[in-house]
All heavy atoms as atom14 arrays in JSON, in Angstrom:
{
  "sequence": "GFVAGAAFDAQMGLFMVISVAVPLFLFSGFYVRLND",
  "atom14_mask": [
    [1, 1, 1, 1, 0, 0, 0, 0, 0, 0, 0, 0, 0, 0],
    [1, 1, 1, 1, 1, 1, 1, 1, 1, 1, 1, 0, 0, 0],
    [1, 1, 1, 1, 1, 1, 1, 0, 0, 0, 0, 0, 0, 0],
    [1, 1, 1, 1, 1, 0, 0, 0, 0, 0, 0, 0, 0, 0],
    [1, 1, 1, 1, 0, 0, 0, 0, 0, 0, 0, 0, 0, 0],
    [1, 1, 1, 1, 1, 0, 0, 0, 0, 0, 0, 0, 0, 0],
    [1, 1, 1, 1, 1, 0, 0, 0, 0, 0, 0, 0, 0, 0],
    [1, 1, 1, 1, 1, 1, 1, 1, 1, 1, 1, 0, 0, 0],
    [1, 1, 1, 1, 1, 1, 1, 1, 0, 0, 0, 0, 0, 0],
    [1, 1, 1, 1, 1, 0, 0, 0, 0, 0, 0, 0, 0, 0],
    [1, 1, 1, 1, 1, 1, 1, 1, 1, 0, 0, 0, 0, 0],
    [1, 1, 1, 1, 1, 1, 1, 1, 0, 0, 0, 0, 0, 0],
    [1, 1, 1, 1, 0, 0, 0, 0, 0, 0, 0, 0, 0, 0],
    [1, 1, 1, 1, 1, 1, 1, 1, 0, 0, 0, 0, 0, 0],
    [1, 1, 1, 1, 1, 1, 1, 1, 1, 1, 1, 0, 0, 0],
    [1, 1, 1, 1, 1, 1, 1, 1, 0, 0, 0, 0, 0, 0],
    [1, 1, 1, 1, 1, 1, 1, 0, 0, 0, 0, 0, 0, 0],
    [1, 1, 1, 1, 1, 1, 1, 1, 0, 0, 0, 0, 0, 0],
    [1, 1, 1, 1, 1, 1, 0, 0, 0, 0, 0, 0, 0, 0],
    [1, 1, 1, 1, 1, 1, 1, 0, 0, 0, 0, 0, 0, 0],
    [1, 1, 1, 1, 1, 0, 0, 0, 0, 0, 0, 0, 0, 0],
    [1, 1, 1, 1, 1, 1, 1, 0, 0, 0, 0, 0, 0, 0],
    [1, 1, 1, 1, 1, 1, 1, 0, 0, 0, 0, 0, 0, 0],
    [1, 1, 1, 1, 1, 1, 1, 1, 0, 0, 0, 0, 0, 0],
    [1, 1, 1, 1, 1, 1, 1, 1, 1, 1, 1, 0, 0, 0],
    [1, 1, 1, 1, 1, 1, 1, 1, 0, 0, 0, 0, 0, 0],
    [1, 1, 1, 1, 1, 1, 1, 1, 1, 1, 1, 0, 0, 0],
    [1, 1, 1, 1, 1, 1, 0, 0, 0, 0, 0, 0, 0, 0],
    [1, 1, 1, 1, 0, 0, 0, 0, 0, 0, 0, 0, 0, 0],
    [1, 1, 1, 1, 1, 1, 1, 1, 1, 1, 1, 0, 0, 0],
    [1, 1, 1, 1, 1, 1, 1, 1, 1, 1, 1, 1, 0, 0],
    [1, 1, 1, 1, 1, 1, 1, 0, 0, 0, 0, 0, 0, 0],
    [1, 1, 1, 1, 1, 1, 1, 1, 1, 1, 1, 0, 0, 0],
    [1, 1, 1, 1, 1, 1, 1, 1, 0, 0, 0, 0, 0, 0],
    [1, 1, 1, 1, 1, 1, 1, 1, 0, 0, 0, 0, 0, 0],
    [1, 1, 1, 1, 1, 1, 1, 1, 0, 0, 0, 0, 0, 0]
  ],
  "atom14_positions": [
    [[4.3, 3.87, -7.78], [5.64, 4.15, -7.44], [5.91, 5.62, -8.18], [6.56, 6.54, -7.54], [0.0, 0.0, 0.0], [0.0, 0.0, 0.0], [0.0, 0.0, 0.0], [0.0, 0.0, 0.0], [0.0, 0.0, 0.0], [0.0, 0.0, 0.0], [0.0, 0.0, 0.0], [0.0, 0.0, 0.0], [0.0, 0.0, 0.0], [0.0, 0.0, 0.0]],
    [[5.37, 5.76, -9.33], [5.56, 7.15, -10.06], [4.8, 8.16, -9.14], [5.35, 9.44, -9.01], [4.97, 7.13, -11.4], [5.86, 6.51, -12.43], [5.25, 5.64, -13.47], [7.15, 6.64, -12.41], [6.11, 5.01, -14.42], [7.96, 6.17, -13.36], [7.48, 5.25, -14.37], [0.0, 0.0, 0.0], [0.0, 0.0, 0.0], [0.0, 0.0, 0.0]],
    [[3.61, 7.95, -8.63], [2.92, 8.89, -7.85], [3.58, 9.23, -6.69], [3.82, 10.39, -6.23], [1.51, 8.32, -7.47], [0.8, 9.24, -6.54], [0.69, 8.24, -8.72], [0.0, 0.0, 0.0], [0.0, 0.0, 0.0], [0.0, 0.0, 0.0], [0.0, 0.0, 0.0], [0.0, 0.0, 0.0], [0.0, 0.0, 0.0], [0.0, 0.0, 0.0]],
    [[4.23, 8.21, -5.85], [4.86, 8.47, -4.63], [6.24, 9.17, -4.85], [6.7, 10.04, -4.11], [5.08, 7.09, -3.86], [0.0, 0.0, 0.0], [0.0, 0.0, 0.0], [0.0, 0.0, 0.0], [0.0, 0.0, 0.0], [0.0, 0.0, 0.0], [0.0, 0.0, 0.0], [0.0, 0.0, 0.0], [0.0, 0.0, 0.0], [0.0, 0.0, 0.0]],
    [[6.89, 8.76, -5.98], [8.34, 9.38, -6.3], [8.08, 10.81, -6.73], [8.91, 11.6, -6.44], [0.0, 0.0, 0.0], [0.0, 0.0, 0.0], [0.0, 0.0, 0.0], [0.0, 0.0, 0.0], [0.0, 0.0, 0.0], [0.0, 0.0, 0.0], [0.0, 0.0, 0.0], [0.0, 0.0, 0.0], [0.0, 0.0, 0.0], [0.0, 0.0, 0.0]],
    [[6.96, 11.13, -7.34], [6.72, 12.56, -7.94], [6.41, 13.39, -6.67], [6.57, 14.57, -6.67], [5.69, 12.59, -8.89], [0.0, 0.0, 0.0], [0.0, 0.0, 0.0], [0.0, 0.0, 0.0], [0.0, 0.0, 0.0], [0.0, 0.0, 0.0], [0.0, 0.0, 0.0], [0.0, 0.0, 0.0], [0.0, 0.0, 0.0], [0.0, 0.0, 0.0]],
    [[5.54, 12.85, -5.7], [5.04, 13.62, -4.74], [5.99, 13.89, -3.51], [5.93, 14.72, -2.79], [3.71, 12.99, -4.2], [0.0, 0.0, 0.0], [0.0, 0.0, 0.0], [0.0, 0.0, 0.0], [0.0, 0.0, 0.0], [0.0, 0.0, 0.0], [0.0, 0.0, 0.0], [0.0, 0.0, 0.0], [0.0, 0.0, 0.0], [0.0, 0.0, 0.0]],
    [[6.86, 12.8, -3.28], [7.66, 12.76, -2.14], [9.25, 12.54, -2.53], [9.39, 12.13, -3.57], [7.25, 11.84, -1.04], [5.75, 11.91, -0.66], [4.87, 10.94, -1.25], [5.35, 12.92, 0.13], [3.7, 11.15, -0.88], [3.93, 12.98, 0.45], [3.1, 12.15, -0.05], [0.0, 0.0, 0.0], [0.0, 0.0, 0.0], [0.0, 0.0, 0.0]],
    [[10.13, 12.61, -1.53], [11.5, 12.21, -1.75], [11.44, 10.69, -1.55], [10.45, 10.03, -1.25], [12.39, 12.86, -0.74], [12.05, 12.49, 0.82], [11.38, 11.53, 1.07], [12.42, 13.31, 1.59], [0.0, 0.0, 0.0], [0.0, 0.0, 0.0], [0.0, 0.0, 0.0], [0.0, 0.0, 0.0], [0.0, 0.0, 0.0], [0.0, 0.0, 0.0]],
    [[12.58, 10.01, -1.74], [12.75, 8.51, -1.81], [12.27, 7.88, -0.54], [11.59, 7.0, -0.57], [14.2, 8.15, -2.16], [0.0, 0.0, 0.0], [0.0, 0.0, 0.0], [0.0, 0.0, 0.0], [0.0, 0.0, 0.0], [0.0, 0.0, 0.0], [0.0, 0.0, 0.0], [0.0, 0.0, 0.0], [0.0, 0.0, 0.0], [0.0, 0.0, 0.0]],
    [[12.7, 8.42, 0.5], [12.44, 7.89, 1.88], [10.99, 7.91, 2.17], [10.19, 6.99, 2.51], [13.13, 8.48, 2.96], [14.65, 8.1, 2.95], [15.5, 8.8, 4.06], [15.01, 9.69, 4.7], [16.54, 8.22, 4.43], [0.0, 0.0, 0.0], [0.0, 0.0, 0.0], [0.0, 0.0, 0.0], [0.0, 0.0, 0.0], [0.0, 0.0, 0.0]],
    [[10.35, 9.1, 2.1], [8.87, 9.22, 2.3], [8.09, 8.57, 1.26], [7.02, 7.86, 1.63], [8.67, 10.78, 2.31], [7.11, 11.05, 2.6], [6.6, 10.39, 4.23], [7.33, 11.39, 5.35], [0.0, 0.0, 0.0], [0.0, 0.0, 0.0], [0.0, 0.0, 0.0], [0.0, 0.0, 0.0], [0.0, 0.0, 0.0], [0.0, 0.0, 0.0]],
    [[8.57, 8.56, 0.14], [7.76, 7.87, -0.91], [7.76, 6.31, -0.72], [6.69, 5.64, -0.94], [0.0, 0.0, 0.0], [0.0, 0.0, 0.0], [0.0, 0.0, 0.0], [0.0, 0.0, 0.0], [0.0, 0.0, 0.0], [0.0, 0.0, 0.0], [0.0, 0.0, 0.0], [0.0, 0.0, 0.0], [0.0, 0.0, 0.0], [0.0, 0.0, 0.0]],
    [[8.83, 5.71, -0.33], [8.94, 4.31, -0.05], [7.94, 3.89, 1.23], [7.21, 2.94, 1.12], [10.26, 3.98, 0.43], [10.55, 2.45, 0.59], [10.25, 1.69, -0.73], [12.09, 2.1, 1.0], [0.0, 0.0, 0.0], [0.0, 0.0, 0.0], [0.0, 0.0, 0.0], [0.0, 0.0, 0.0], [0.0, 0.0, 0.0], [0.0, 0.0, 0.0]],
    [[8.01, 4.84, 2.19], [6.98, 4.68, 3.41], [5.53, 4.81, 2.85], [4.73, 3.98, 3.35], [7.22, 5.75, 4.37], [6.26, 5.81, 5.52], [6.31, 4.89, 6.51], [5.23, 6.73, 5.42], [5.49, 4.83, 7.54], [4.45, 6.7, 6.56], [4.42, 5.82, 7.53], [0.0, 0.0, 0.0], [0.0, 0.0, 0.0], [0.0, 0.0, 0.0]],
    [[5.26, 5.8, 1.99], [3.91, 5.84, 1.55], [3.39, 4.63, 0.63], [2.2, 4.16, 0.71], [3.74, 7.02, 0.68], [3.92, 8.45, 1.5], [2.72, 8.49, 2.88], [1.19, 8.43, 1.97], [0.0, 0.0, 0.0], [0.0, 0.0, 0.0], [0.0, 0.0, 0.0], [0.0, 0.0, 0.0], [0.0, 0.0, 0.0], [0.0, 0.0, 0.0]],
    [[4.28, 4.05, -0.13], [4.03, 2.91, -0.92], [3.61, 1.65, -0.01], [2.73, 1.07, -0.25], [5.21, 2.56, -1.74], [5.04, 1.05, -2.37], [5.22, 3.51, -2.99], [0.0, 0.0, 0.0], [0.0, 0.0, 0.0], [0.0, 0.0, 0.0], [0.0, 0.0, 0.0], [0.0, 0.0, 0.0], [0.0, 0.0, 0.0], [0.0, 0.0, 0.0]],
    [[4.47, 1.47, 1.04], [4.27, 0.43, 1.94], [2.83, 0.59, 2.77], [2.04, -0.25, 2.83], [5.39, 0.13, 2.85], [6.62, -0.24, 2.15], [5.11, -0.83, 3.99], [7.88, -0.31, 2.87], [0.0, 0.0, 0.0], [0.0, 0.0, 0.0], [0.0, 0.0, 0.0], [0.0, 0.0, 0.0], [0.0, 0.0, 0.0], [0.0, 0.0, 0.0]],
    [[2.74, 1.9, 3.18], [1.52, 2.26, 3.84], [0.24, 1.98, 3.01], [-0.82, 1.66, 3.56], [1.51, 3.6, 4.29], [2.6, 3.86, 5.07], [0.0, 0.0, 0.0], [0.0, 0.0, 0.0], [0.0, 0.0, 0.0], [0.0, 0.0, 0.0], [0.0, 0.0, 0.0], [0.0, 0.0, 0.0], [0.0, 0.0, 0.0], [0.0, 0.0, 0.0]],
    [[0.29, 2.17, 1.75], [-0.81, 2.07, 0.79], [-0.98, 0.52, 0.61], [-2.29, 0.05, 0.42], [-0.63, 2.75, -0.43], [-1.76, 2.41, -1.49], [-0.73, 4.28, -0.22], [0.0, 0.0, 0.0], [0.0, 0.0, 0.0], [0.0, 0.0, 0.0], [0.0, 0.0, 0.0], [0.0, 0.0, 0.0], [0.0, 0.0, 0.0], [0.0, 0.0, 0.0]],
    [[0.07, -0.21, 0.37], [0.07, -1.61, -0.05], [-0.42, -2.49, 0.96], [-1.21, -3.47, 0.79], [1.4, -2.11, -0.55], [0.0, 0.0, 0.0], [0.0, 0.0, 0.0], [0.0, 0.0, 0.0], [0.0, 0.0, 0.0], [0.0, 0.0, 0.0], [0.0, 0.0, 0.0], [0.0, 0.0, 0.0], [0.0, 0.0, 0.0], [0.0, 0.0, 0.0]],
    [[-0.1, -2.28, 2.3], [-0.52, -3.15, 3.29], [-2.05, -3.34, 3.46], [-2.53, -4.41, 3.62], [0.23, -2.77, 4.75], [-0.48, -3.64, 5.8], [1.65, -3.0, 4.61], [0.0, 0.0, 0.0], [0.0, 0.0, 0.0], [0.0, 0.0, 0.0], [0.0, 0.0, 0.0], [0.0, 0.0, 0.0], [0.0, 0.0, 0.0], [0.0, 0.0, 0.0]],
    [[-2.8, -2.22, 3.62], [-4.18, -2.5, 3.64], [-4.76, -3.07, 2.33], [-5.77, -3.81, 2.57], [-4.67, -0.91, 3.69], [-3.61, -0.2, 4.23], [-2.44, -0.83, 3.65], [0.0, 0.0, 0.0], [0.0, 0.0, 0.0], [0.0, 0.0, 0.0], [0.0, 0.0, 0.0], [0.0, 0.0, 0.0], [0.0, 0.0, 0.0], [0.0, 0.0, 0.0]],
    [[-4.18, -2.95, 1.21], [-4.72, -3.55, 0.09], [-4.6, -5.05, 0.21], [-5.41, -5.83, -0.26], [-4.05, -2.98, -1.18], [-4.12, -1.63, -1.43], [-3.32, -1.26, -2.85], [-5.56, -1.2, -1.65], [0.0, 0.0, 0.0], [0.0, 0.0, 0.0], [0.0, 0.0, 0.0], [0.0, 0.0, 0.0], [0.0, 0.0, 0.0], [0.0, 0.0, 0.0]],
    [[-3.34, -5.66, 0.84], [-3.22, -7.01, 1.14], [-4.31, -7.46, 1.95], [-4.94, -8.62, 1.73], [-1.87, -7.3, 1.78], [-0.65, -6.74, 0.94], [0.57, -6.49, 1.48], [-0.71, -6.69, -0.42], [1.71, -6.16, 0.72], [0.34, -6.31, -1.22], [1.62, -6.02, -0.65], [0.0, 0.0, 0.0], [0.0, 0.0, 0.0], [0.0, 0.0, 0.0]],
    [[-4.66, -6.76, 2.93], [-5.46, -7.3, 4.1], [-7.01, -7.52, 3.59], [-7.61, -8.39, 4.03], [-5.59, -6.27, 5.32], [-4.21, -6.23, 6.01], [-4.42, -5.08, 7.09], [-3.77, -7.43, 6.67], [0.0, 0.0, 0.0], [0.0, 0.0, 0.0], [0.0, 0.0, 0.0], [0.0, 0.0, 0.0], [0.0, 0.0, 0.0], [0.0, 0.0, 0.0]],
    [[-7.23, -6.67, 2.65], [-8.61, -6.75, 2.11], [-8.77, -7.47, 0.79], [-9.6, -7.17, -0.1], [-9.31, -5.35, 2.07], [-9.52, -4.74, 3.39], [-8.64, -3.9, 3.96], [-10.65, -5.13, 4.16], [-8.86, -3.43, 5.19], [-10.86, -4.55, 5.42], [-9.84, -3.77, 5.88], [0.0, 0.0, 0.0], [0.0, 0.0, 0.0], [0.0, 0.0, 0.0]],
    [[-7.9, -8.31, 0.48], [-7.74, -9.16, -0.87], [-8.65, -10.31, -0.81], [-8.98, -10.84, -1.97], [-6.39, -9.48, -1.1], [-5.96, -10.37, -0.21], [0.0, 0.0, 0.0], [0.0, 0.0, 0.0], [0.0, 0.0, 0.0], [0.0, 0.0, 0.0], [0.0, 0.0, 0.0], [0.0, 0.0, 0.0], [0.0, 0.0, 0.0], [0.0, 0.0, 0.0]],
    [[-9.02, -10.83, 0.37], [-9.85, -12.1, 0.44], [-8.87, -13.2, 0.71], [-9.46, -14.36, 0.88], [0.0, 0.0, 0.0], [0.0, 0.0, 0.0], [0.0, 0.0, 0.0], [0.0, 0.0, 0.0], [0.0, 0.0, 0.0], [0.0, 0.0, 0.0], [0.0, 0.0, 0.0], [0.0, 0.0, 0.0], [0.0, 0.0, 0.0], [0.0, 0.0, 0.0]],
    [[-7.77, -12.99, 0.94], [-6.75, -14.25, 1.31], [-6.63, -14.32, 2.79], [-6.8, -15.58, 3.23], [-5.37, -13.93, 0.55], [-4.38, -15.0, 0.86], [-4.43, -16.16, 0.22], [-3.29, -14.77, 1.84], [-3.43, -17.16, 0.63], [-2.37, -15.85, 2.14], [-2.52, -16.99, 1.6], [0.0, 0.0, 0.0], [0.0, 0.0, 0.0], [0.0, 0.0, 0.0]],
    [[-6.45, -13.27, 3.44], [-6.29, -13.5, 4.89], [-7.73, -13.65, 5.52], [-7.85, -14.4, 6.48], [-5.57, -12.16, 5.5], [-4.15, -12.02, 5.09], [-3.87, -11.11, 4.08], [-3.26, -12.76, 5.56], [-2.49, -10.88, 3.74], [-1.86, -12.66, 5.32], [-1.41, -11.74, 4.31], [-0.23, -11.58, 3.96], [0.0, 0.0, 0.0], [0.0, 0.0, 0.0]],
    [[-8.62, -12.84, 5.17], [-10.03, -13.04, 5.61], [-11.02, -13.24, 4.38], [-10.8, -12.52, 3.49], [-10.51, -11.73, 6.44], [-11.91, -11.94, 6.88], [-9.49, -11.59, 7.59], [0.0, 0.0, 0.0], [0.0, 0.0, 0.0], [0.0, 0.0, 0.0], [0.0, 0.0, 0.0], [0.0, 0.0, 0.0], [0.0, 0.0, 0.0], [0.0, 0.0, 0.0]],
    [[-11.88, -14.15, 4.4], [-12.67, -14.39, 3.45], [-13.57, -13.09, 3.08], [-13.91, -12.54, 4.16], [-13.53, -15.61, 3.61], [-12.88, -16.9, 3.58], [-13.74, -18.17, 3.42], [-14.79, -18.12, 4.44], [-15.73, -18.97, 4.61], [-15.9, -19.79, 3.67], [-16.71, -18.81, 5.6], [0.0, 0.0, 0.0], [0.0, 0.0, 0.0], [0.0, 0.0, 0.0]],
    [[-13.99, -12.91, 1.92], [-14.76, -11.7, 1.68], [-15.99, -11.57, 2.29], [-16.37, -10.44, 2.88], [-14.9, -11.67, -0.03], [-13.76, -11.47, -0.83], [-14.23, -11.54, -2.24], [-12.93, -10.28, -0.58], [0.0, 0.0, 0.0], [0.0, 0.0, 0.0], [0.0, 0.0, 0.0], [0.0, 0.0, 0.0], [0.0, 0.0, 0.0], [0.0, 0.0, 0.0]],
    [[-16.73, -12.66, 2.58], [-17.99, -12.71, 3.3], [-17.76, -12.4, 4.82], [-18.7, -12.21, 5.55], [-18.65, -14.0, 3.14], [-19.37, -14.04, 1.74], [-19.22, -13.05, 0.88], [-20.07, -15.24, 1.37], [0.0, 0.0, 0.0], [0.0, 0.0, 0.0], [0.0, 0.0, 0.0], [0.0, 0.0, 0.0], [0.0, 0.0, 0.0], [0.0, 0.0, 0.0]],
    [[-16.53, -12.63, 5.35], [-16.2, -12.46, 6.71], [-15.77, -11.06, 7.16], [-15.59, -10.85, 8.39], [-15.19, -13.54, 7.12], [-15.76, -14.99, 7.02], [-16.97, -15.17, 7.05], [-14.98, -15.94, 6.88], [0.0, 0.0, 0.0], [0.0, 0.0, 0.0], [0.0, 0.0, 0.0], [0.0, 0.0, 0.0], [0.0, 0.0, 0.0], [0.0, 0.0, 0.0]]
  ]
}
């Protein structure tokens, strides 16, 4: 949040946070097993 807030305004920063977080969720091993 500090990185996004320092680099962008509030709206763009919020968009960037969500854009970064979603791929991290997908490759956590919960939705798809790590071996798959």
